[in-house]
Amino acid sequence: MKKTLHALFLVLLFPCSIIGQSVFDVNGFCIAVPDKQGLDNFVNFIDKELAPRGINTLVLRVDFNYEYESRPELREDHPLSRTDVKKIVTVCKKNGIEIIPQVNLLGHQSWAEKTNKLLEVYPKFDETPHVKMPEKYEWPNEDGLYCKSYCPNHPDLHDVVFDLIDEVIEVFEANAFHAGLDEVFYIADPKCPRCKGMDPATLFAQEVTRLSNHLEKRGARLWMWGDRLLDASTADLGMWEASMNNTARAIDMIPKTVVICDWHYEKAIPTPAYFALKGFDVIACPWRNPKVAEAQVKMMHDFKNNSTPETSKKYLGMMQTVWSSADNFIKDFNNPASGNEKGSHRACFIAMTDALNALEK
């Protein structure tokens, strides 16, 4: 009885005039690729949980956890093989799920005390080599170090980056690629011999455009997080959700074909309307708050219903983001008592998919 009333409540809360038809183009889920030991469990999870809940788009954070043939020096320990990846591709094809691989580019080239593989192998690409990685990471710190960035103007960089992009879109049989591009705190550093004195917005836009143009030549589309395109000073948002280092003006300099993944985790901030009115396709992204996820679904639906036909189609849909490992998420999903239902990936994912499915009833 409670389940019936809950479903009725969701239908009333999220009314839809199109019965039996998907309201949004994207019902998405973003998570790291599994490790080898968890691969079969992950494939089963796609088949038995993601697909039945209506997920049609899977953003997989690959980074360096694949056996790159073009750049074997950039493999992490125990990466997925081509055969492993094809198991994921097969189950997604079976269920009509589009895979979009992600490799974090520009920012997020380190985490805590660890330098990630690109800068570990190619330290010459470091935008701020004078900033040394700490033995024990703390925030805030004197260097303003959150994550390292690569230098987008290094002449050798893109030969490497494009090899990674080409290989992952080929092996995952993808028509789009997610480049991350979020939380870039180091850009146009005054000590960088190539970037000093440059406008951060122009530099950021050049890198986005360069990546987008490369993908377009291969029949693929660029996806990215949207935080660097929001101005923290006018949006009253913090330095993670929006830019405090003058990259926001890049929104008027990048190709309109880029898909913006607009993440906000504490409130359903109405910035998808900003991106759509700027001409971009946009996806709203929750994390671990189920009430926020439900509010974002309603917000996106309201935007879609109260826009001109041209703008309405810009609201592509929703995507749950998961920042734990695939193995941990699945464990928590299968054992809800182990987590905080009011603040968990699982609770948020269920709330989002329930709300999306209610729109279609």
Protein backbone atom coordinates (compact mmCIF):
# COMPACT_ATOMS: atom_id res chain seq x y z
CA MET A 1 0.00 0.00 0.00
CA LYS A 2 2.79 2.41 0.90
CA LYS A 3 4.54 1.72 -2.42
CA THR A 4 1.29 2.40 -4.32
CA LEU A 5 0.74 5.69 -2.51
CA HIS A 6 4.38 6.68 -3.09
CA ALA A 7 4.06 5.98 -6.82
CA LEU A 8 0.81 7.95 -6.97
CA PHE A 9 2.46 10.86 -5.16
CA LEU A 10 5.32 10.90 -7.65
CA VAL A 11 2.91 10.84 -10.60
CA LEU A 12 1.02 13.80 -9.13
CA LEU A 13 4.24 15.63 -8.34
CA PHE A 14 5.72 15.01 -11.79
CA PRO A 15 2.76 14.97 -14.22
CA CYS A 16 3.44 14.11 -17.84
CA SER A 17 1.15 14.38 -20.82
CA ILE A 18 3.20 11.90 -22.87
CA ILE A 19 2.21 8.45 -21.65
CA GLY A 20 4.64 5.57 -22.14
CA GLN A 21 7.27 7.74 -23.81
CA SER A 22 10.61 8.78 -22.36
CA VAL A 23 10.42 12.40 -21.25
CA PHE A 24 14.16 13.03 -21.41
CA ASP A 25 16.78 11.91 -23.90
CA VAL A 26 19.24 11.13 -21.10
CA ASN A 27 18.50 9.06 -18.00
CA GLY A 28 22.12 8.83 -16.99
CA PHE A 29 24.47 7.24 -14.49
CA CYS A 30 28.13 8.22 -13.97
CA ILE A 31 30.58 5.94 -12.14
CA ALA A 32 34.18 4.70 -12.30
CA VAL A 33 34.93 1.60 -14.33
CA PRO A 34 35.17 -1.47 -12.10
CA ASP A 35 38.40 -3.25 -11.33
CA LYS A 36 38.99 -6.67 -12.84
CA GLN A 37 37.73 -8.52 -9.79
CA GLY A 38 34.46 -6.61 -9.82
CA LEU A 39 33.85 -6.69 -13.58
CA ASP A 40 31.32 -9.53 -13.72
CA ASN A 41 29.44 -8.10 -10.77
CA PHE A 42 29.33 -4.72 -12.54
CA VAL A 43 28.07 -6.25 -15.77
CA ASN A 44 25.32 -8.00 -13.82
CA PHE A 45 24.45 -4.72 -12.08
CA ILE A 46 23.99 -3.00 -15.44
CA ASP A 47 21.73 -5.81 -16.62
CA LYS A 48 19.68 -6.32 -13.46
CA GLU A 49 19.52 -2.84 -11.92
CA LEU A 50 20.52 0.02 -14.23
CA ALA A 51 18.58 -1.11 -17.29
CA PRO A 52 15.34 -2.03 -15.46
CA ARG A 53 15.41 1.37 -13.75
CA GLY A 54 15.47 3.10 -17.14
CA ILE A 55 19.12 4.15 -17.36
CA ASN A 56 19.98 4.71 -21.02
CA THR A 57 23.32 6.52 -20.72
CA LEU A 58 26.38 5.32 -18.80
CA VAL A 59 29.32 7.69 -18.28
CA LEU A 60 32.29 5.55 -17.26
CA ARG A 61 35.28 7.22 -15.64
CA VAL A 62 38.07 5.28 -17.32
CA ASP A 63 41.04 7.60 -16.79
CA PHE A 64 44.11 5.32 -16.79
CA ASN A 65 42.37 2.08 -15.80
CA TYR A 66 42.53 0.60 -19.29
CA GLU A 67 45.29 -1.31 -21.12
CA TYR A 68 46.10 1.46 -23.57
CA GLU A 69 47.94 0.07 -26.58
CA SER A 70 48.91 3.47 -27.96
CA ARG A 71 50.25 4.67 -24.59
CA PRO A 72 51.05 1.61 -22.46
CA GLU A 73 53.15 3.79 -20.16
CA LEU A 74 49.93 5.41 -18.94
CA ARG A 75 48.28 2.23 -17.66
CA GLU A 76 47.45 2.02 -13.98
CA ASP A 77 48.09 -1.24 -12.14
CA HIS A 78 45.72 -4.08 -13.14
CA PRO A 79 43.81 -2.15 -15.81
CA LEU A 80 40.86 -3.50 -17.77
CA SER A 81 41.72 -5.30 -20.98
CA ARG A 82 39.99 -4.91 -24.32
CA THR A 83 38.17 -8.19 -23.63
CA ASP A 84 37.01 -6.84 -20.26
CA VAL A 85 35.66 -3.66 -21.84
CA LYS A 86 33.75 -5.62 -24.47
CA LYS A 87 31.81 -7.38 -21.71
CA ILE A 88 30.53 -3.97 -20.62
CA VAL A 89 29.85 -2.93 -24.22
CA THR A 90 27.88 -6.13 -24.87
CA VAL A 91 25.55 -5.79 -21.88
CA CYS A 92 24.97 -2.11 -22.66
CA LYS A 93 24.11 -2.88 -26.28
CA LYS A 94 21.71 -5.56 -25.11
CA ASN A 95 19.89 -3.00 -22.97
CA GLY A 96 20.08 0.00 -25.30
CA ILE A 97 22.49 1.90 -23.04
CA GLU A 98 24.92 4.37 -24.61
CA ILE A 99 28.41 4.35 -23.11
CA ILE A 100 30.35 7.60 -22.79
CA PRO A 101 33.93 7.05 -21.56
CA GLN A 102 35.61 9.73 -19.47
CA VAL A 103 39.24 10.67 -19.01
CA ASN A 104 39.81 13.69 -16.76
CA LEU A 105 41.53 16.38 -18.81
CA LEU A 106 43.07 19.72 -17.90
CA GLY A 107 42.33 19.59 -14.16
CA HIS A 108 42.22 16.65 -11.73
CA GLN A 109 45.73 15.50 -12.63
CA SER A 110 46.38 14.71 -8.96
CA TRP A 111 44.41 13.80 -5.89
CA ALA A 112 45.47 14.34 -2.28
CA GLU A 113 49.12 13.20 -2.07
CA LYS A 114 49.03 11.27 -5.38
CA THR A 115 50.07 12.59 -8.77
CA ASN A 116 47.94 10.93 -11.43
CA LYS A 117 49.42 8.94 -14.26
CA LEU A 118 49.72 11.64 -16.94
CA LEU A 119 51.88 13.97 -14.87
CA GLU A 120 53.68 11.08 -13.18
CA VAL A 121 54.88 9.82 -16.56
CA TYR A 122 55.13 13.22 -18.26
CA PRO A 123 56.06 15.76 -15.56
CA LYS A 124 56.90 18.25 -18.32
CA PHE A 125 53.14 18.71 -18.84
CA ASP A 126 52.64 20.08 -15.31
CA GLU A 127 51.23 23.61 -15.29
CA THR A 128 52.73 24.25 -11.85
CA PRO A 129 55.91 22.19 -11.42
CA HIS A 130 57.00 24.56 -8.68
CA VAL A 131 54.10 23.30 -6.53
CA LYS A 132 55.35 20.12 -4.89
CA MET A 133 53.03 17.32 -3.84
CA PRO A 134 52.75 17.17 -0.03
CA GLU A 135 53.49 14.11 2.08
CA LYS A 136 50.15 14.67 3.77
CA TYR A 137 47.53 16.69 1.92
CA GLU A 138 45.45 19.32 3.72
CA TRP A 139 43.00 21.94 2.53
CA PRO A 140 43.40 24.88 2.59
CA ASN A 141 47.13 25.11 1.93
CA GLU A 142 49.62 27.85 1.04
CA ASP A 143 49.96 26.68 -2.56
CA GLY A 144 46.22 26.70 -3.23
CA LEU A 145 46.64 23.07 -4.32
CA TYR A 146 43.41 21.20 -4.84
CA CYS A 147 44.33 19.16 -7.92
CA LYS A 148 47.15 19.61 -10.40
CA SER A 149 46.45 20.74 -13.97
CA TYR A 150 48.31 20.03 -17.16
CA CYS A 151 49.58 22.90 -19.29
CA PRO A 152 47.22 23.15 -22.29
CA ASN A 153 49.87 25.03 -24.26
CA HIS A 154 52.62 22.42 -24.01
CA PRO A 155 53.52 21.51 -27.63
CA ASP A 156 53.73 17.76 -26.96
CA LEU A 157 50.61 17.38 -24.83
CA HIS A 158 47.87 16.75 -27.34
CA ASP A 159 49.67 14.01 -29.21
CA VAL A 160 49.34 12.04 -25.97
CA VAL A 161 45.86 13.18 -24.99
CA PHE A 162 44.38 12.55 -28.43
CA ASP A 163 45.79 9.00 -28.44
CA LEU A 164 43.93 8.29 -25.20
CA ILE A 165 40.70 9.81 -26.49
CA ASP A 166 40.84 7.92 -29.79
CA GLU A 167 41.49 4.62 -28.09
CA VAL A 168 38.72 4.81 -25.50
CA ILE A 169 36.03 5.94 -27.93
CA GLU A 170 37.05 3.09 -30.24
CA VAL A 171 37.08 0.31 -27.64
CA PHE A 172 33.85 1.49 -25.97
CA GLU A 173 32.24 2.02 -29.42
CA ALA A 174 31.24 5.49 -28.25
CA ASN A 175 29.73 8.47 -30.04
CA ALA A 176 30.68 10.87 -27.25
CA PHE A 177 33.54 11.43 -24.83
CA HIS A 178 33.48 13.10 -21.40
CA ALA A 179 36.60 15.18 -20.72
CA GLY A 180 35.84 16.20 -17.14
CA LEU A 181 37.28 19.75 -17.24
CA ASP A 182 35.87 20.49 -13.79
CA GLU A 183 37.35 22.20 -10.74
CA VAL A 184 40.32 23.62 -12.63
CA PHE A 185 42.06 25.79 -10.04
CA TYR A 186 45.46 26.01 -11.75
CA ILE A 187 45.23 27.73 -15.13
CA ALA A 188 47.29 30.49 -16.79
CA ASP A 189 49.73 30.26 -13.92
CA PRO A 190 52.02 33.32 -13.74
CA LYS A 191 55.08 31.04 -13.50
CA CYS A 192 54.19 28.95 -16.55
CA PRO A 193 56.45 30.02 -19.46
CA ARG A 194 53.71 29.22 -21.99
CA CYS A 195 50.56 30.39 -20.18
CA LYS A 196 51.61 33.35 -18.04
CA GLY A 197 49.75 36.53 -18.85
CA MET A 198 47.00 34.76 -20.75
CA ASP A 199 43.32 35.35 -20.05
CA PRO A 200 42.09 32.24 -18.15
CA ALA A 201 38.75 32.29 -19.98
CA THR A 202 40.45 32.35 -23.37
CA LEU A 203 42.88 29.61 -22.38
CA PHE A 204 40.09 27.41 -21.00
CA ALA A 205 37.96 27.98 -24.11
CA GLN A 206 40.87 27.13 -26.40
CA GLU A 207 41.34 23.78 -24.68
CA VAL A 208 37.62 22.93 -24.76
CA THR A 209 37.45 23.90 -28.43
CA ARG A 210 40.57 21.90 -29.28
CA LEU A 211 39.11 18.77 -27.68
CA SER A 212 35.70 19.31 -29.27
CA ASN A 213 37.18 19.80 -32.73
CA HIS A 214 39.26 16.63 -32.42
CA LEU A 215 36.20 14.60 -31.43
CA GLU A 216 34.08 16.11 -34.19
CA LYS A 217 36.55 14.82 -36.78
CA ARG A 218 35.89 11.33 -35.41
CA GLY A 219 32.12 11.69 -35.40
CA ALA A 220 31.96 12.07 -31.62
CA ARG A 221 30.73 14.77 -29.28
CA LEU A 222 32.35 16.40 -26.26
CA TRP A 223 30.72 16.25 -22.83
CA MET A 224 32.05 18.20 -19.84
CA TRP A 225 31.13 19.34 -16.33
CA GLY A 226 29.77 22.88 -16.26
CA ASP A 227 31.24 24.43 -13.11
CA ARG A 228 34.08 26.38 -14.80
CA LEU A 229 31.51 28.14 -16.99
CA LEU A 230 29.60 29.59 -14.04
CA ASP A 231 30.72 32.81 -12.36
CA ALA A 232 30.88 32.30 -8.60
CA SER A 233 30.77 36.04 -7.93
CA THR A 234 27.39 36.51 -9.59
CA ALA A 235 25.86 33.09 -8.90
CA ASP A 236 26.72 33.10 -5.16
CA LEU A 237 28.29 29.65 -5.50
CA GLY A 238 31.52 28.32 -4.03
CA MET A 239 34.83 27.74 -5.79
CA TRP A 240 34.00 24.11 -6.60
CA GLU A 241 30.53 24.64 -8.07
CA ALA A 242 31.57 27.75 -9.98
CA SER A 243 34.67 29.61 -11.09
CA MET A 244 36.57 32.10 -8.97
CA ASN A 245 39.52 32.25 -11.37
CA ASN A 246 37.97 34.02 -14.35
CA THR A 247 37.15 31.09 -16.62
CA ALA A 248 33.38 31.71 -16.72
CA ARG A 249 33.48 33.96 -19.80
CA ALA A 250 34.60 30.93 -21.78
CA ILE A 251 30.91 30.03 -22.09
CA ASP A 252 30.68 32.49 -24.99
CA MET A 253 33.80 31.13 -26.70
CA ILE A 254 33.25 27.36 -26.92
CA PRO A 255 31.29 25.32 -29.50
CA LYS A 256 27.57 25.03 -28.86
CA THR A 257 27.79 21.32 -29.65
CA VAL A 258 29.36 20.66 -26.24
CA VAL A 259 27.05 18.89 -23.77
CA ILE A 260 27.12 20.45 -20.29
CA CYS A 261 26.75 18.24 -17.22
CA ASP A 262 25.57 20.72 -14.61
CA TRP A 263 26.25 19.34 -11.13
CA HIS A 264 24.79 20.78 -7.94
CA TYR A 265 24.57 18.60 -4.87
CA GLU A 266 22.99 20.64 -2.06
CA LYS A 267 20.19 22.46 -3.93
CA ALA A 268 18.48 22.26 -7.29
CA ILE A 269 20.22 25.41 -8.56
CA PRO A 270 18.42 26.57 -11.75
CA THR A 271 21.60 26.96 -13.83
CA PRO A 272 20.44 24.47 -16.51
CA ALA A 273 18.28 27.33 -17.79
CA TYR A 274 21.39 29.50 -18.12
CA PHE A 275 23.19 26.87 -20.18
CA ALA A 276 20.15 26.16 -22.35
CA LEU A 277 19.58 29.84 -23.07
CA LYS A 278 23.25 30.10 -24.02
CA GLY A 279 22.55 27.42 -26.63
CA PHE A 280 23.93 24.28 -24.95
CA ASP A 281 22.37 20.89 -24.37
CA VAL A 282 22.39 20.39 -20.60
CA ILE A 283 22.01 17.59 -18.06
CA ALA A 284 21.32 18.11 -14.33
CA CYS A 285 23.45 15.98 -12.02
CA PRO A 286 22.76 15.04 -8.38
CA TRP A 287 25.03 13.14 -6.00
CA ARG A 288 23.78 11.83 -2.63
CA ASN A 289 20.76 13.89 -1.59
CA PRO A 290 17.49 12.27 -2.71
CA LYS A 291 15.44 15.44 -2.17
CA VAL A 292 17.79 17.38 -4.41
CA ALA A 293 17.52 14.69 -7.09
CA GLU A 294 13.72 14.82 -7.02
CA ALA A 295 13.79 18.62 -7.14
CA GLN A 296 16.17 18.57 -10.12
CA VAL A 297 13.90 16.17 -12.04
CA LYS A 298 10.92 18.45 -11.42
CA MET A 299 12.98 21.54 -12.31
CA MET A 300 14.20 20.07 -15.60
CA HIS A 301 10.68 18.93 -16.45
CA ASP A 302 9.29 22.40 -15.70
CA PHE A 303 12.01 24.03 -17.80
CA LYS A 304 11.26 21.67 -20.65
CA ASN A 305 7.51 22.32 -20.48
CA ASN A 306 7.82 26.09 -20.16
CA SER A 307 10.30 26.77 -22.96
CA THR A 308 10.08 27.40 -26.66
CA PRO A 309 10.48 24.26 -28.79
CA GLU A 310 14.05 25.24 -29.66
CA THR A 311 15.08 25.67 -26.03
CA SER A 312 12.97 22.81 -24.69
CA LYS A 313 15.04 20.22 -26.52
CA LYS A 314 18.19 21.54 -24.84
CA TYR A 315 17.13 19.99 -21.52
CA LEU A 316 18.51 16.53 -22.19
CA GLY A 317 17.76 15.01 -18.80
CA MET A 318 19.39 13.78 -15.60
CA MET A 319 22.53 11.93 -14.53
CA GLN A 320 23.32 10.43 -11.14
CA THR A 321 26.98 10.91 -10.20
CA VAL A 322 28.81 8.38 -8.03
CA TRP A 323 32.18 9.25 -6.52
CA SER A 324 32.93 5.99 -4.77
CA SER A 325 34.26 2.94 -6.57
CA ALA A 326 31.90 0.76 -8.58
CA ASP A 327 32.50 -2.09 -6.15
CA ASN A 328 31.59 0.02 -3.10
CA PHE A 329 28.50 1.44 -4.76
CA ILE A 330 27.19 -2.00 -5.65
CA LYS A 331 27.87 -3.28 -2.13
CA ASP A 332 25.95 -0.36 -0.64
CA PHE A 333 23.18 -0.76 -3.18
CA ASN A 334 22.71 -4.40 -2.24
CA ASN A 335 22.93 -3.66 1.48
CA PRO A 336 20.97 -0.44 2.12
CA ALA A 337 21.19 -0.84 5.89
CA SER A 338 24.95 -0.19 5.66
CA GLY A 339 24.52 3.42 4.49
CA ASN A 340 22.73 6.59 5.46
CA GLU A 341 19.52 6.54 3.45
CA LYS A 342 19.15 10.32 3.81
CA GLY A 343 22.57 10.99 2.33
CA SER A 344 23.78 8.18 0.11
CA HIS A 345 24.48 7.45 -3.54
CA ARG A 346 21.95 4.62 -3.37
CA ALA A 347 19.12 6.70 -1.93
CA CYS A 348 19.77 9.50 -4.42
CA PHE A 349 19.90 7.10 -7.37
CA ILE A 350 16.62 5.46 -6.37
CA ALA A 351 14.94 8.83 -5.84
CA MET A 352 16.10 10.11 -9.23
CA THR A 353 15.06 7.03 -11.17
CA ASP A 354 11.73 6.77 -9.35
CA ALA A 355 11.00 10.40 -10.22
CA LEU A 356 12.03 9.88 -13.86
CA ASN A 357 9.93 6.75 -14.17
CA ALA A 358 6.95 8.50 -12.59
CA LEU A 359 7.09 11.10 -15.37
CA GLU A 360 6.43 8.37 -17.89
CA LYS A 361 3.35 6.90 -16.16
